[in-house]
Amino acid sequence: MQLIDYMKNGPTVAPLHYDCFAHEVAGKKINFGDTAVSYVIMPKTGGAEMHYHPCSQHVYLTLEGELRINNGKETIIVPAGMAAHVDEGEPHQVDGNDQDCIYIIITRPPGEFLKP
């Protein structure tokens, strides 16, 4: 058992992301096998360019605000208290739908960021 002060892990900004500050809960620093978990603070100016992960999938859990996810075909709004899944290889871009957003992202397995 281990208590994790994840706010001391970071913040980092992932490739192809901007103004999107991730604090690692589990992953490289705290071994969690083939899964990474991060607490993300994204001001309304933040987001991610369209990208994909050939071998990784995400689950986003919105804690505050709204997360907007676009895959190039459709856009979904993920309000606080809801979650969304992005499958491996699926292009996606995210932003806070013009508001500050806090969310948890679970990535399995962590992988590379590629532009479509």
N, C-alpha and C. Protein backbone atom coordinates (compact mmCIF):
# COMPACT_ATOMS: atom_id res chain seq x y z
N MET A 1 0.84 -1.17 0.00
CA MET A 1 0.00 0.00 0.00
C MET A 1 0.89 1.24 0.00
N GLN A 2 0.41 2.29 -0.70
CA GLN A 2 1.23 3.48 -0.82
C GLN A 2 0.34 4.71 -0.96
N LEU A 3 0.61 5.75 -0.19
CA LEU A 3 -0.06 7.04 -0.34
C LEU A 3 0.69 7.82 -1.41
N ILE A 4 -0.04 8.40 -2.37
CA ILE A 4 0.58 9.08 -3.51
C ILE A 4 0.22 10.56 -3.49
N ASP A 5 1.22 11.42 -3.39
CA ASP A 5 1.01 12.87 -3.49
C ASP A 5 1.23 13.25 -4.95
N TYR A 6 0.22 12.99 -5.78
CA TYR A 6 0.37 13.13 -7.23
C TYR A 6 0.60 14.57 -7.68
N MET A 7 0.24 15.55 -6.87
CA MET A 7 0.47 16.95 -7.27
C MET A 7 1.97 17.28 -7.30
N LYS A 8 2.78 16.45 -6.66
CA LYS A 8 4.24 16.63 -6.72
C LYS A 8 4.84 15.97 -7.95
N ASN A 9 4.05 15.17 -8.68
CA ASN A 9 4.51 14.51 -9.90
C ASN A 9 4.09 15.34 -11.11
N GLY A 10 4.89 16.30 -11.45
CA GLY A 10 4.56 17.17 -12.58
C GLY A 10 4.47 18.59 -12.10
N PRO A 11 3.80 19.40 -12.87
CA PRO A 11 3.01 19.02 -14.03
C PRO A 11 3.87 18.83 -15.29
N THR A 12 3.36 18.01 -16.18
CA THR A 12 3.97 17.85 -17.49
C THR A 12 2.91 18.15 -18.55
N VAL A 13 3.37 18.48 -19.74
CA VAL A 13 2.48 18.69 -20.88
C VAL A 13 2.84 17.63 -21.92
N ALA A 14 1.87 16.81 -22.27
CA ALA A 14 2.10 15.72 -23.22
C ALA A 14 2.37 16.26 -24.61
N PRO A 15 3.05 15.49 -25.46
CA PRO A 15 3.26 15.91 -26.85
C PRO A 15 1.92 16.20 -27.53
N LEU A 16 1.90 17.20 -28.39
CA LEU A 16 0.73 17.64 -29.16
C LEU A 16 -0.38 18.22 -28.28
N HIS A 17 -0.09 18.51 -27.02
CA HIS A 17 -1.02 19.16 -26.10
C HIS A 17 -0.50 20.56 -25.78
N TYR A 18 -1.37 21.44 -25.32
CA TYR A 18 -0.98 22.80 -24.95
C TYR A 18 -1.84 23.25 -23.77
N ASP A 19 -1.21 23.97 -22.83
CA ASP A 19 -1.91 24.45 -21.63
C ASP A 19 -2.75 23.35 -20.99
N CYS A 20 -2.18 22.18 -20.88
CA CYS A 20 -2.88 21.00 -20.36
C CYS A 20 -1.89 20.30 -19.43
N PHE A 21 -2.09 20.43 -18.12
CA PHE A 21 -1.06 20.11 -17.15
C PHE A 21 -1.38 18.82 -16.40
N ALA A 22 -0.60 17.78 -16.67
CA ALA A 22 -0.86 16.44 -16.12
C ALA A 22 0.04 16.16 -14.92
N HIS A 23 -0.56 15.58 -13.91
CA HIS A 23 0.16 15.11 -12.72
C HIS A 23 -0.02 13.60 -12.67
N GLU A 24 1.10 12.89 -12.77
CA GLU A 24 1.03 11.42 -12.80
C GLU A 24 0.60 10.86 -11.45
N VAL A 25 -0.44 10.06 -11.48
CA VAL A 25 -0.89 9.33 -10.30
C VAL A 25 -0.20 7.97 -10.27
N ALA A 26 -0.19 7.31 -11.43
CA ALA A 26 0.46 6.00 -11.55
C ALA A 26 0.96 5.85 -12.97
N GLY A 27 2.09 5.20 -13.13
CA GLY A 27 2.68 5.02 -14.45
C GLY A 27 4.16 4.79 -14.33
N LYS A 28 4.95 5.69 -14.92
CA LYS A 28 6.41 5.53 -14.92
C LYS A 28 7.01 5.70 -13.52
N LYS A 29 6.59 6.77 -12.81
CA LYS A 29 7.18 7.05 -11.50
C LYS A 29 6.68 6.07 -10.44
N ILE A 30 5.43 5.70 -10.56
CA ILE A 30 4.84 4.75 -9.62
C ILE A 30 4.37 3.58 -10.47
N ASN A 31 5.12 2.51 -10.46
CA ASN A 31 4.88 1.38 -11.37
C ASN A 31 3.44 0.88 -11.26
N PHE A 32 2.76 0.89 -12.40
CA PHE A 32 1.36 0.44 -12.45
C PHE A 32 1.17 -0.47 -13.65
N GLY A 33 2.19 -1.25 -13.95
CA GLY A 33 2.11 -2.19 -15.06
C GLY A 33 1.97 -1.48 -16.39
N ASP A 34 1.00 -1.89 -17.19
CA ASP A 34 0.84 -1.32 -18.53
C ASP A 34 -0.22 -0.23 -18.58
N THR A 35 -0.47 0.44 -17.44
CA THR A 35 -1.49 1.47 -17.36
C THR A 35 -0.90 2.74 -16.75
N ALA A 36 -1.33 3.89 -17.28
CA ALA A 36 -0.94 5.18 -16.71
C ALA A 36 -2.21 5.92 -16.30
N VAL A 37 -2.14 6.59 -15.17
CA VAL A 37 -3.26 7.39 -14.67
C VAL A 37 -2.72 8.77 -14.33
N SER A 38 -3.40 9.81 -14.84
CA SER A 38 -2.98 11.18 -14.56
C SER A 38 -4.18 12.05 -14.20
N TYR A 39 -3.92 13.00 -13.30
CA TYR A 39 -4.88 14.04 -12.92
C TYR A 39 -4.51 15.25 -13.75
N VAL A 40 -5.44 15.78 -14.54
CA VAL A 40 -5.11 16.82 -15.51
C VAL A 40 -5.90 18.09 -15.22
N ILE A 41 -5.18 19.20 -15.16
CA ILE A 41 -5.78 20.52 -15.01
C ILE A 41 -5.62 21.22 -16.36
N MET A 42 -6.75 21.58 -16.97
CA MET A 42 -6.72 22.21 -18.29
C MET A 42 -7.53 23.50 -18.25
N PRO A 43 -6.84 24.66 -18.30
CA PRO A 43 -7.57 25.92 -18.39
C PRO A 43 -8.32 26.00 -19.72
N LYS A 44 -9.23 26.96 -19.83
CA LYS A 44 -10.03 27.06 -21.05
C LYS A 44 -9.19 27.32 -22.29
N THR A 45 -7.94 27.72 -22.11
CA THR A 45 -7.03 27.92 -23.25
C THR A 45 -6.32 26.63 -23.66
N GLY A 46 -6.55 25.55 -22.93
CA GLY A 46 -5.81 24.31 -23.16
C GLY A 46 -6.51 23.33 -24.08
N GLY A 47 -5.76 22.30 -24.45
CA GLY A 47 -6.32 21.25 -25.28
C GLY A 47 -5.24 20.40 -25.92
N ALA A 48 -5.64 19.68 -26.94
CA ALA A 48 -4.72 18.82 -27.69
C ALA A 48 -5.06 18.90 -29.16
N GLU A 49 -4.03 18.92 -29.98
CA GLU A 49 -4.21 18.83 -31.42
C GLU A 49 -4.75 17.45 -31.77
N MET A 50 -5.31 17.33 -32.98
CA MET A 50 -5.77 16.02 -33.44
C MET A 50 -4.55 15.09 -33.46
N HIS A 51 -4.70 13.92 -32.83
CA HIS A 51 -3.62 12.93 -32.77
C HIS A 51 -4.23 11.56 -32.51
N TYR A 52 -3.40 10.55 -32.54
CA TYR A 52 -3.86 9.20 -32.20
C TYR A 52 -2.71 8.42 -31.58
N HIS A 53 -3.08 7.31 -30.98
CA HIS A 53 -2.12 6.42 -30.35
C HIS A 53 -2.35 5.04 -30.98
N PRO A 54 -1.40 4.53 -31.76
CA PRO A 54 -1.64 3.28 -32.49
C PRO A 54 -1.91 2.07 -31.59
N CYS A 55 -1.40 2.09 -30.38
CA CYS A 55 -1.54 0.92 -29.51
C CYS A 55 -2.07 1.26 -28.13
N SER A 56 -2.67 2.44 -27.96
CA SER A 56 -3.15 2.87 -26.64
C SER A 56 -4.60 3.29 -26.71
N GLN A 57 -5.30 3.09 -25.62
CA GLN A 57 -6.66 3.60 -25.49
C GLN A 57 -6.75 4.46 -24.25
N HIS A 58 -7.74 5.37 -24.23
CA HIS A 58 -7.94 6.29 -23.10
C HIS A 58 -9.33 6.11 -22.52
N VAL A 59 -9.43 6.36 -21.22
CA VAL A 59 -10.70 6.65 -20.58
C VAL A 59 -10.51 7.99 -19.89
N TYR A 60 -11.41 8.93 -20.19
CA TYR A 60 -11.42 10.26 -19.59
C TYR A 60 -12.55 10.31 -18.57
N LEU A 61 -12.25 10.75 -17.35
CA LEU A 61 -13.27 10.94 -16.32
C LEU A 61 -13.26 12.41 -15.93
N THR A 62 -14.31 13.14 -16.30
CA THR A 62 -14.36 14.58 -16.04
C THR A 62 -14.79 14.82 -14.59
N LEU A 63 -13.99 15.61 -13.87
CA LEU A 63 -14.27 15.94 -12.48
C LEU A 63 -14.90 17.32 -12.33
N GLU A 64 -14.42 18.30 -13.12
CA GLU A 64 -14.95 19.66 -13.09
C GLU A 64 -14.99 20.20 -14.50
N GLY A 65 -16.00 21.00 -14.80
CA GLY A 65 -16.14 21.58 -16.13
C GLY A 65 -16.65 20.55 -17.12
N GLU A 66 -16.28 20.77 -18.37
CA GLU A 66 -16.65 19.85 -19.45
C GLU A 66 -15.44 19.58 -20.32
N LEU A 67 -15.37 18.39 -20.83
CA LEU A 67 -14.32 18.01 -21.77
C LEU A 67 -14.99 17.78 -23.12
N ARG A 68 -14.47 18.42 -24.15
CA ARG A 68 -14.99 18.22 -25.50
C ARG A 68 -13.99 17.36 -26.25
N ILE A 69 -14.47 16.25 -26.82
CA ILE A 69 -13.61 15.33 -27.56
C ILE A 69 -14.16 15.21 -28.98
N ASN A 70 -13.28 15.43 -29.95
CA ASN A 70 -13.66 15.37 -31.36
C ASN A 70 -12.78 14.32 -32.02
N ASN A 71 -13.39 13.41 -32.79
CA ASN A 71 -12.60 12.40 -33.49
C ASN A 71 -12.54 12.65 -35.00
N GLY A 72 -12.97 13.84 -35.44
CA GLY A 72 -12.98 14.17 -36.86
C GLY A 72 -14.30 13.86 -37.53
N LYS A 73 -15.13 13.04 -36.89
CA LYS A 73 -16.46 12.69 -37.43
C LYS A 73 -17.57 13.18 -36.51
N GLU A 74 -17.31 13.12 -35.22
CA GLU A 74 -18.31 13.57 -34.26
C GLU A 74 -17.62 14.20 -33.06
N THR A 75 -18.38 15.01 -32.34
CA THR A 75 -17.90 15.66 -31.13
C THR A 75 -18.81 15.25 -29.99
N ILE A 76 -18.19 14.88 -28.86
CA ILE A 76 -18.99 14.61 -27.67
C ILE A 76 -18.55 15.55 -26.56
N ILE A 77 -19.49 15.91 -25.72
CA ILE A 77 -19.23 16.72 -24.54
C ILE A 77 -19.32 15.79 -23.34
N VAL A 78 -18.28 15.80 -22.51
CA VAL A 78 -18.21 14.93 -21.34
C VAL A 78 -18.29 15.82 -20.10
N PRO A 79 -19.48 15.99 -19.52
CA PRO A 79 -19.60 16.86 -18.35
C PRO A 79 -19.06 16.19 -17.09
N ALA A 80 -18.89 16.99 -16.05
CA ALA A 80 -18.44 16.46 -14.76
C ALA A 80 -19.36 15.31 -14.34
N GLY A 81 -18.76 14.24 -13.86
CA GLY A 81 -19.51 13.07 -13.43
C GLY A 81 -19.71 12.04 -14.52
N MET A 82 -19.22 12.31 -15.72
CA MET A 82 -19.33 11.38 -16.85
C MET A 82 -17.94 10.98 -17.31
N ALA A 83 -17.88 9.96 -18.16
CA ALA A 83 -16.61 9.47 -18.70
C ALA A 83 -16.77 9.19 -20.19
N ALA A 84 -15.64 9.11 -20.88
CA ALA A 84 -15.62 8.79 -22.31
C ALA A 84 -14.45 7.87 -22.59
N HIS A 85 -14.60 7.03 -23.61
CA HIS A 85 -13.56 6.10 -24.02
C HIS A 85 -13.11 6.44 -25.44
N VAL A 86 -11.81 6.47 -25.68
CA VAL A 86 -11.23 6.63 -27.01
C VAL A 86 -10.40 5.38 -27.28
N ASP A 87 -10.75 4.67 -28.34
CA ASP A 87 -10.11 3.39 -28.64
C ASP A 87 -8.73 3.59 -29.27
N GLU A 88 -7.91 2.56 -29.22
CA GLU A 88 -6.58 2.65 -29.83
C GLU A 88 -6.72 2.92 -31.32
N GLY A 89 -5.84 3.79 -31.82
CA GLY A 89 -5.84 4.14 -33.24
C GLY A 89 -6.88 5.18 -33.62
N GLU A 90 -7.79 5.56 -32.71
CA GLU A 90 -8.84 6.52 -33.04
C GLU A 90 -8.31 7.95 -32.91
N PRO A 91 -8.33 8.73 -34.00
CA PRO A 91 -7.90 10.13 -33.90
C PRO A 91 -8.81 10.88 -32.92
N HIS A 92 -8.22 11.82 -32.20
CA HIS A 92 -9.00 12.63 -31.26
C HIS A 92 -8.27 13.92 -30.93
N GLN A 93 -9.05 14.93 -30.63
CA GLN A 93 -8.53 16.17 -30.07
C GLN A 93 -9.44 16.53 -28.91
N VAL A 94 -8.90 17.21 -27.93
CA VAL A 94 -9.68 17.56 -26.75
C VAL A 94 -9.50 19.03 -26.40
N ASP A 95 -10.53 19.59 -25.76
CA ASP A 95 -10.42 20.92 -25.17
C ASP A 95 -11.47 21.01 -24.06
N GLY A 96 -11.47 22.13 -23.37
CA GLY A 96 -12.37 22.30 -22.23
C GLY A 96 -13.69 22.94 -22.59
N ASN A 97 -14.07 22.94 -23.88
CA ASN A 97 -15.35 23.50 -24.31
C ASN A 97 -15.51 24.93 -23.80
N ASP A 98 -14.44 25.72 -23.95
CA ASP A 98 -14.41 27.14 -23.56
C ASP A 98 -14.57 27.38 -22.06
N GLN A 99 -14.15 26.42 -21.25
CA GLN A 99 -14.15 26.59 -19.81
C GLN A 99 -13.01 25.78 -19.20
N ASP A 100 -12.65 26.11 -17.97
CA ASP A 100 -11.63 25.34 -17.28
C ASP A 100 -12.16 23.92 -17.04
N CYS A 101 -11.26 22.96 -17.05
CA CYS A 101 -11.66 21.56 -16.92
C CYS A 101 -10.61 20.81 -16.10
N ILE A 102 -11.09 19.91 -15.26
CA ILE A 102 -10.21 19.00 -14.53
C ILE A 102 -10.71 17.59 -14.81
N TYR A 103 -9.80 16.72 -15.19
CA TYR A 103 -10.19 15.35 -15.49
C TYR A 103 -9.10 14.37 -15.13
N ILE A 104 -9.47 13.12 -15.05
CA ILE A 104 -8.52 12.02 -14.87
C ILE A 104 -8.47 11.27 -16.19
N ILE A 105 -7.26 10.96 -16.64
CA ILE A 105 -7.11 10.16 -17.85
C ILE A 105 -6.39 8.86 -17.50
N ILE A 106 -6.97 7.77 -17.97
CA ILE A 106 -6.38 6.44 -17.81
C ILE A 106 -5.97 5.98 -19.19
N THR A 107 -4.71 5.64 -19.36
CA THR A 107 -4.18 5.23 -20.65
C THR A 107 -3.60 3.83 -20.53
N ARG A 108 -4.00 2.98 -21.47
CA ARG A 108 -3.52 1.60 -21.42
C ARG A 108 -3.23 1.08 -22.80
N PRO A 109 -2.04 0.64 -23.06
CA PRO A 109 -0.80 0.98 -22.37
C PRO A 109 -0.33 2.36 -22.83
N PRO A 110 0.48 3.05 -22.06
CA PRO A 110 1.02 4.33 -22.52
C PRO A 110 1.79 4.12 -23.82
N GLY A 111 1.67 5.06 -24.74
CA GLY A 111 2.34 4.88 -26.04
C GLY A 111 2.62 6.21 -26.70
N GLU A 112 2.97 6.11 -27.97
CA GLU A 112 3.39 7.30 -28.71
C GLU A 112 2.21 8.13 -29.17
N PHE A 113 2.49 9.42 -29.45
CA PHE A 113 1.51 10.39 -29.94
C PHE A 113 1.84 10.65 -31.40
N LEU A 114 0.89 10.39 -32.30
CA LEU A 114 1.13 10.60 -33.72
C LEU A 114 0.05 11.49 -34.32
N LYS A 115 0.45 12.30 -35.31
CA LYS A 115 -0.53 13.10 -36.05
C LYS A 115 -1.13 12.23 -37.15
N PRO A 116 -2.45 12.38 -37.38
CA PRO A 116 -3.07 11.57 -38.46
C PRO A 116 -2.57 11.95 -39.84
